[in-house]
Amino acid sequence: MQRKEFLDKLSGGLAFTCVSCMMAACSKDSNTSGDNSNNPGDTILLNIDLSTQLLAVKDFISSKGIIVVRIADGNLAGSFVAFFSACTHEGAIVEYDANTNGFICPRHGATYSISGAVTGAPAPAPLKTRTVAISGSTLTVK
């Protein structure tokens, strides 16, 4: 086989492979059943055992990109707040500050209230709230 013939065959194979990949990338999702199981609001992001964790007001957990703080006594959903822990400025992980009962971004100093509202720049938006549910002694964040 000559060099030119080899290169011609090689480039044809590569072109076919590239076109096949592009076609697959442009195809519609195969899940057309109407199943909403991939809806982020239905996805359990974190489970916490309240018999061993978050026992006192101002206790907190930061895990899997979620931060949960106990804000009141009792094992009711309203006794906790949960947010995605990414700062809305540049995505750094915010930290809970029990002294101010709020959140602070260690990168540029943005601050948020316990409700997730911006209290100090440069954050452009509040923290993204997550839903808290309680069943027995398990707190679930969705």
Protein backbone atom coordinates (compact mmCIF):
# COMPACT_ATOMS: atom_id res chain seq x y z
CA MET A 1 0.00 0.00 0.00
CA GLN A 2 1.32 3.41 -0.95
CA ARG A 3 1.46 6.30 1.50
CA LYS A 4 -1.23 8.31 -0.34
CA GLU A 5 -3.57 5.32 -0.47
CA PHE A 6 -3.03 4.68 3.25
CA LEU A 7 -3.78 8.32 4.14
CA ASP A 8 -6.90 8.34 1.96
CA LYS A 9 -8.28 5.25 3.73
CA LEU A 10 -7.34 6.61 7.14
CA SER A 11 -9.01 9.99 6.57
CA GLY A 12 -12.19 8.32 5.28
CA GLY A 13 -12.42 6.19 8.43
CA LEU A 14 -11.83 9.19 10.66
CA ALA A 15 -14.49 11.22 8.86
CA PHE A 16 -17.02 8.39 9.30
CA THR A 17 -16.19 8.12 13.01
CA CYS A 18 -16.51 11.89 13.55
CA VAL A 19 -19.85 12.08 11.73
CA SER A 20 -21.17 9.11 13.75
CA CYS A 21 -20.19 10.80 17.02
CA MET A 22 -21.79 14.09 15.99
CA MET A 23 -25.02 12.35 15.02
CA ALA A 24 -25.18 10.56 18.38
CA ALA A 25 -24.56 13.82 20.24
CA CYS A 26 -27.36 15.56 18.35
CA SER A 27 -29.94 12.82 18.87
CA LYS A 28 -32.82 13.27 21.30
CA ASP A 29 -32.72 11.73 24.76
CA SER A 30 -33.92 8.15 24.66
CA ASN A 31 -36.08 8.64 27.79
CA THR A 32 -39.37 9.79 26.28
CA SER A 33 -41.61 8.00 28.76
CA GLY A 34 -42.47 11.19 30.64
CA ASP A 35 -40.78 9.88 33.79
CA ASN A 36 -39.74 12.81 35.98
CA SER A 37 -37.25 10.83 38.08
CA ASN A 38 -34.44 13.04 36.77
CA ASN A 39 -36.16 16.19 38.04
CA PRO A 40 -33.67 17.80 40.47
CA GLY A 41 -36.53 18.65 42.86
CA ASP A 42 -37.27 14.94 43.28
CA THR A 43 -33.69 13.83 43.80
CA ILE A 44 -32.54 13.10 47.34
CA LEU A 45 -29.30 15.01 47.78
CA LEU A 46 -28.54 14.17 51.40
CA ASN A 47 -29.92 12.10 54.29
CA ILE A 48 -29.04 13.01 57.90
CA ASP A 49 -29.71 10.92 61.01
CA LEU A 50 -31.13 13.41 63.52
CA SER A 51 -30.58 10.99 66.41
CA THR A 52 -26.81 11.52 66.06
CA GLN A 53 -26.36 14.76 64.07
CA LEU A 54 -27.63 18.34 64.21
CA LEU A 55 -28.68 17.89 67.83
CA ALA A 56 -28.43 21.55 68.95
CA VAL A 57 -29.46 24.89 67.47
CA LYS A 58 -26.63 26.26 65.26
CA ASP A 59 -25.22 22.78 64.59
CA PHE A 60 -24.51 22.38 60.89
CA ILE A 61 -23.35 19.90 58.29
CA SER A 62 -21.67 20.68 54.99
CA SER A 63 -21.59 17.66 52.70
CA LYS A 64 -22.00 16.80 49.01
CA GLY A 65 -22.35 20.46 48.03
CA ILE A 66 -25.15 21.06 50.55
CA ILE A 67 -25.06 22.97 53.84
CA VAL A 68 -27.73 22.28 56.48
CA VAL A 69 -28.14 24.30 59.71
CA ARG A 70 -30.45 23.64 62.66
CA ILE A 71 -32.16 26.97 63.40
CA ALA A 72 -34.68 25.87 66.07
CA ASP A 73 -35.43 23.09 68.53
CA GLY A 74 -37.61 20.17 67.48
CA ASN A 75 -37.45 17.78 64.58
CA LEU A 76 -39.71 19.71 62.23
CA ALA A 77 -38.77 20.72 58.69
CA GLY A 78 -38.99 24.38 59.77
CA SER A 79 -36.24 23.79 62.35
CA PHE A 80 -33.66 23.49 59.57
CA VAL A 81 -32.44 25.41 56.54
CA ALA A 82 -30.60 23.86 53.60
CA PHE A 83 -28.81 25.44 50.65
CA PHE A 84 -26.44 24.55 47.86
CA SER A 85 -23.14 25.60 49.44
CA ALA A 86 -21.73 27.30 46.33
CA CYS A 87 -21.33 31.07 46.60
CA THR A 88 -23.34 32.79 43.88
CA HIS A 89 -20.37 35.03 43.04
CA GLU A 90 -17.75 32.51 41.87
CA GLY A 91 -18.86 29.16 43.25
CA ALA A 92 -16.53 28.84 46.26
CA ILE A 93 -17.95 26.79 49.13
CA VAL A 94 -19.54 29.05 51.75
CA GLU A 95 -18.99 28.43 55.45
CA TYR A 96 -21.51 28.72 58.27
CA ASP A 97 -20.58 31.28 60.96
CA ALA A 98 -22.42 30.54 64.22
CA ASN A 99 -21.35 33.93 65.67
CA THR A 100 -23.24 35.87 63.00
CA ASN A 101 -25.73 33.07 62.31
CA GLY A 102 -25.06 33.43 58.61
CA PHE A 103 -22.79 32.28 55.82
CA ILE A 104 -19.55 33.72 54.50
CA CYS A 105 -17.60 33.02 51.34
CA PRO A 106 -13.90 32.64 52.14
CA ARG A 107 -12.83 33.65 48.63
CA HIS A 108 -14.07 37.25 48.38
CA GLY A 109 -16.00 37.82 51.62
CA ALA A 110 -19.58 37.69 50.34
CA THR A 111 -22.01 37.20 53.20
CA TYR A 112 -25.49 35.72 53.43
CA SER A 113 -28.13 35.68 56.18
CA ILE A 114 -29.43 32.44 57.68
CA SER A 115 -32.25 32.65 55.12
CA GLY A 116 -29.68 32.69 52.29
CA ALA A 117 -30.26 36.35 51.39
CA VAL A 118 -27.22 38.40 50.33
CA THR A 119 -26.03 40.68 53.14
CA GLY A 120 -22.65 41.65 51.68
CA ALA A 121 -21.14 41.98 48.20
CA PRO A 122 -19.87 40.70 45.82
CA ALA A 123 -22.55 37.98 45.75
CA PRO A 124 -25.09 38.80 43.01
CA ALA A 125 -27.89 36.50 44.21
CA PRO A 126 -29.08 34.58 47.28
CA LEU A 127 -27.96 31.04 48.03
CA LYS A 128 -30.07 28.40 46.30
CA THR A 129 -32.53 26.95 48.80
CA ARG A 130 -33.14 23.20 49.04
CA THR A 131 -36.21 21.45 50.42
CA VAL A 132 -36.01 19.75 53.82
CA ALA A 133 -38.30 16.87 54.81
CA ILE A 134 -38.32 14.77 57.96
CA SER A 135 -39.49 11.20 58.36
CA GLY A 136 -38.93 9.67 61.79
CA SER A 137 -35.40 10.65 62.75
CA THR A 138 -34.15 11.12 59.18
CA LEU A 139 -33.82 14.55 57.61
CA THR A 140 -33.83 14.44 53.81
CA VAL A 141 -32.60 17.28 51.61
CA LYS A 142 -33.99 17.46 48.09
